Amino acid sequence: MPIEIGHVEELYRYPVKSMRGDRIEAADMGWHGLEGDRRLA
């Protein structure tokens, strides 16, 4: 049985570094992190 060590309250994606993030309900993880996060960094 897995042990819960925390939970996510809110999730944000930042498609452009240093600009306002978008609140999202769900996200896909890639080898580099969240898909679409900082794609224009």
PDB file of N, CA and C in Angstrom:
ATOM      1  N   MET A   1       0.839  -1.182   0.000  1.00  0.00           N
ATOM      2  CA  MET A   1       0.000   0.000   0.000  1.00  0.00           C
ATOM      3  C   MET A   1       0.887   1.250   0.000  1.00  0.00           C
ATOM      4  N   PRO A   2       0.679   2.178  -0.960  1.00  0.00           N
ATOM      5  CA  PRO A   2       1.505   3.385  -1.014  1.00  0.00           C
ATOM      6  C   PRO A   2       1.249   4.304   0.183  1.00  0.00           C
ATOM      7  N   ILE A   3       2.274   5.025   0.559  1.00  0.00           N
ATOM      8  CA  ILE A   3       2.178   5.984   1.654  1.00  0.00           C
ATOM      9  C   ILE A   3       2.042   7.384   1.062  1.00  0.00           C
ATOM     10  N   GLU A   4       1.026   8.121   1.475  1.00  0.00           N
ATOM     11  CA  GLU A   4       0.824   9.486   0.984  1.00  0.00           C
ATOM     12  C   GLU A   4       1.757  10.430   1.738  1.00  0.00           C
ATOM     13  N   ILE A   5       2.544  11.213   0.985  1.00  0.00           N
ATOM     14  CA  ILE A   5       3.465  12.151   1.620  1.00  0.00           C
ATOM     15  C   ILE A   5       3.101  13.608   1.347  1.00  0.00           C
ATOM     16  N   GLY A   6       2.037  13.830   0.621  1.00  0.00           N
ATOM     17  CA  GLY A   6       1.600  15.196   0.339  1.00  0.00           C
ATOM     18  C   GLY A   6       0.530  15.202  -0.729  1.00  0.00           C
ATOM     19  N   HIS A   7       0.072  16.404  -1.071  1.00  0.00           N
ATOM     20  CA  HIS A   7      -0.912  16.548  -2.137  1.00  0.00           C
ATOM     21  C   HIS A   7      -0.740  17.915  -2.791  1.00  0.00           C
ATOM     22  N   VAL A   8      -1.292  18.062  -3.970  1.00  0.00           N
ATOM     23  CA  VAL A   8      -1.183  19.306  -4.736  1.00  0.00           C
ATOM     24  C   VAL A   8      -2.457  20.113  -4.520  1.00  0.00           C
ATOM     25  N   GLU A   9      -2.311  21.337  -4.025  1.00  0.00           N
ATOM     26  CA  GLU A   9      -3.452  22.236  -3.816  1.00  0.00           C
ATOM     27  C   GLU A   9      -3.809  22.960  -5.111  1.00  0.00           C
ATOM     28  N   GLU A  10      -2.794  23.508  -5.797  1.00  0.00           N
ATOM     29  CA  GLU A  10      -2.981  24.244  -7.050  1.00  0.00           C
ATOM     30  C   GLU A  10      -1.825  23.910  -7.977  1.00  0.00           C
ATOM     31  N   LEU A  11      -2.093  23.985  -9.277  1.00  0.00           N
ATOM     32  CA  LEU A  11      -1.083  23.656 -10.272  1.00  0.00           C
ATOM     33  C   LEU A  11      -1.050  24.767 -11.312  1.00  0.00           C
ATOM     34  N   TYR A  12       0.132  25.313 -11.560  1.00  0.00           N
ATOM     35  CA  TYR A  12       0.306  26.396 -12.525  1.00  0.00           C
ATOM     36  C   TYR A  12       1.330  26.000 -13.574  1.00  0.00           C
ATOM     37  N   ARG A  13       1.115  26.474 -14.794  1.00  0.00           N
ATOM     38  CA  ARG A  13       2.058  26.270 -15.898  1.00  0.00           C
ATOM     39  C   ARG A  13       2.510  27.656 -16.332  1.00  0.00           C
ATOM     40  N   TYR A  14       3.804  27.811 -16.578  1.00  0.00           N
ATOM     41  CA  TYR A  14       4.389  29.080 -17.003  1.00  0.00           C
ATOM     42  C   TYR A  14       4.969  28.912 -18.405  1.00  0.00           C
ATOM     43  N   PRO A  15       4.158  29.137 -19.460  1.00  0.00           N
ATOM     44  CA  PRO A  15       4.640  28.921 -20.823  1.00  0.00           C
ATOM     45  C   PRO A  15       5.742  29.892 -21.241  1.00  0.00           C
ATOM     46  N   VAL A  16       5.775  31.087 -20.658  1.00  0.00           N
ATOM     47  CA  VAL A  16       6.825  32.068 -20.951  1.00  0.00           C
ATOM     48  C   VAL A  16       7.491  32.428 -19.631  1.00  0.00           C
ATOM     49  N   LYS A  17       8.797  32.224 -19.558  1.00  0.00           N
ATOM     50  CA  LYS A  17       9.545  32.492 -18.334  1.00  0.00           C
ATOM     51  C   LYS A  17       9.317  33.927 -17.883  1.00  0.00           C
ATOM     52  N   SER A  18       9.117  34.135 -16.611  1.00  0.00           N
ATOM     53  CA  SER A  18       8.936  35.427 -15.939  1.00  0.00           C
ATOM     54  C   SER A  18       7.606  36.115 -16.243  1.00  0.00           C
ATOM     55  N   MET A  19       6.669  35.431 -16.871  1.00  0.00           N
ATOM     56  CA  MET A  19       5.338  35.999 -17.070  1.00  0.00           C
ATOM     57  C   MET A  19       4.335  35.229 -16.211  1.00  0.00           C
ATOM     58  N   ARG A  20       3.134  35.754 -16.125  1.00  0.00           N
ATOM     59  CA  ARG A  20       2.099  35.154 -15.291  1.00  0.00           C
ATOM     60  C   ARG A  20       1.795  33.716 -15.720  1.00  0.00           C
ATOM     61  N   GLY A  21       1.574  32.865 -14.743  1.00  0.00           N
ATOM     62  CA  GLY A  21       1.263  31.471 -15.028  1.00  0.00           C
ATOM     63  C   GLY A  21      -0.216  31.233 -15.256  1.00  0.00           C
ATOM     64  N   ASP A  22      -0.529  30.096 -15.855  1.00  0.00           N
ATOM     65  CA  ASP A  22      -1.905  29.667 -16.090  1.00  0.00           C
ATOM     66  C   ASP A  22      -2.241  28.570 -15.088  1.00  0.00           C
ATOM     67  N   ARG A  23      -3.343  28.742 -14.373  1.00  0.00           N
ATOM     68  CA  ARG A  23      -3.776  27.683 -13.460  1.00  0.00           C
ATOM     69  C   ARG A  23      -4.394  26.562 -14.294  1.00  0.00           C
ATOM     70  N   ILE A  24      -3.975  25.342 -14.028  1.00  0.00           N
ATOM     71  CA  ILE A  24      -4.470  24.195 -14.780  1.00  0.00           C
ATOM     72  C   ILE A  24      -4.987  23.128 -13.816  1.00  0.00           C
ATOM     73  N   GLU A  25      -5.886  22.308 -14.305  1.00  0.00           N
ATOM     74  CA  GLU A  25      -6.485  21.245 -13.488  1.00  0.00           C
ATOM     75  C   GLU A  25      -5.660  19.963 -13.513  1.00  0.00           C
ATOM     76  N   ALA A  26      -4.984  19.708 -14.629  1.00  0.00           N
ATOM     77  CA  ALA A  26      -4.191  18.485 -14.779  1.00  0.00           C
ATOM     78  C   ALA A  26      -3.067  18.765 -15.767  1.00  0.00           C
ATOM     79  N   ALA A  27      -2.034  17.949 -15.732  1.00  0.00           N
ATOM     80  CA  ALA A  27      -0.905  18.136 -16.641  1.00  0.00           C
ATOM     81  C   ALA A  27      -0.248  16.793 -16.935  1.00  0.00           C
ATOM     82  N   ASP A  28       0.345  16.703 -18.107  1.00  0.00           N
ATOM     83  CA  ASP A  28       1.138  15.533 -18.469  1.00  0.00           C
ATOM     84  C   ASP A  28       2.591  15.819 -18.130  1.00  0.00           C
ATOM     85  N   MET A  29       3.267  14.814 -17.597  1.00  0.00           N
ATOM     86  CA  MET A  29       4.682  14.955 -17.266  1.00  0.00           C
ATOM     87  C   MET A  29       5.523  14.366 -18.386  1.00  0.00           C
ATOM     88  N   GLY A  30       6.555  15.090 -18.767  1.00  0.00           N
ATOM     89  CA  GLY A  30       7.522  14.600 -19.730  1.00  0.00           C
ATOM     90  C   GLY A  30       8.855  14.379 -19.033  1.00  0.00           C
ATOM     91  N   TRP A  31       9.875  14.009 -19.770  1.00  0.00           N
ATOM     92  CA  TRP A  31      11.188  13.757 -19.171  1.00  0.00           C
ATOM     93  C   TRP A  31      11.795  15.030 -18.602  1.00  0.00           C
ATOM     94  N   HIS A  32      11.336  16.194 -19.066  1.00  0.00           N
ATOM     95  CA  HIS A  32      11.877  17.481 -18.632  1.00  0.00           C
ATOM     96  C   HIS A  32      10.953  18.229 -17.672  1.00  0.00           C
ATOM     97  N   GLY A  33       9.816  17.649 -17.298  1.00  0.00           N
ATOM     98  CA  GLY A  33       8.876  18.302 -16.384  1.00  0.00           C
ATOM     99  C   GLY A  33       7.492  18.374 -17.001  1.00  0.00           C
ATOM    100  N   LEU A  34       6.720  19.394 -16.629  1.00  0.00           N
ATOM    101  CA  LEU A  34       5.360  19.539 -17.145  1.00  0.00           C
ATOM    102  C   LEU A  34       5.366  19.888 -18.620  1.00  0.00           C
ATOM    103  N   GLU A  35       4.522  19.226 -19.390  1.00  0.00           N
ATOM    104  CA  GLU A  35       4.393  19.534 -20.812  1.00  0.00           C
ATOM    105  C   GLU A  35       3.867  20.960 -20.976  1.00  0.00           C
ATOM    106  N   GLY A  36       4.518  21.762 -21.822  1.00  0.00           N
ATOM    107  CA  GLY A  36       4.098  23.135 -22.079  1.00  0.00           C
ATOM    108  C   GLY A  36       4.661  24.160 -21.119  1.00  0.00           C
ATOM    109  N   ASP A  37       5.327  23.724 -20.046  1.00  0.00           N
ATOM    110  CA  ASP A  37       5.885  24.666 -19.085  1.00  0.00           C
ATOM    111  C   ASP A  37       7.173  25.259 -19.641  1.00  0.00           C
ATOM    112  N   ARG A  38       7.251  26.563 -19.688  1.00  0.00           N
ATOM    113  CA  ARG A  38       8.418  27.319 -20.167  1.00  0.00           C
ATOM    114  C   ARG A  38       8.848  26.914 -21.569  1.00  0.00           C
ATOM    115  N   ARG A  39       7.881  26.656 -22.424  1.00  0.00           N
ATOM    116  CA  ARG A  39       8.213  26.278 -23.798  1.00  0.00           C
ATOM    117  C   ARG A  39       8.845  27.433 -24.561  1.00  0.00           C
ATOM    118  N   LEU A  40       8.646  28.676 -24.082  1.00  0.00           N
ATOM    119  CA  LEU A  40       9.243  29.850 -24.725  1.00  0.00           C
ATOM    120  C   LEU A  40      10.250  30.525 -23.805  1.00  0.00           C
ATOM    121  N   ALA A  41      10.952  29.757 -22.988  1.00  0.00           N
ATOM    122  CA  ALA A  41      11.911  30.322 -22.031  1.00  0.00           C
ATOM    123  C   ALA A  41      13.116  30.895 -22.739  1.00  0.00           C
TER     124      ALA A  41
END
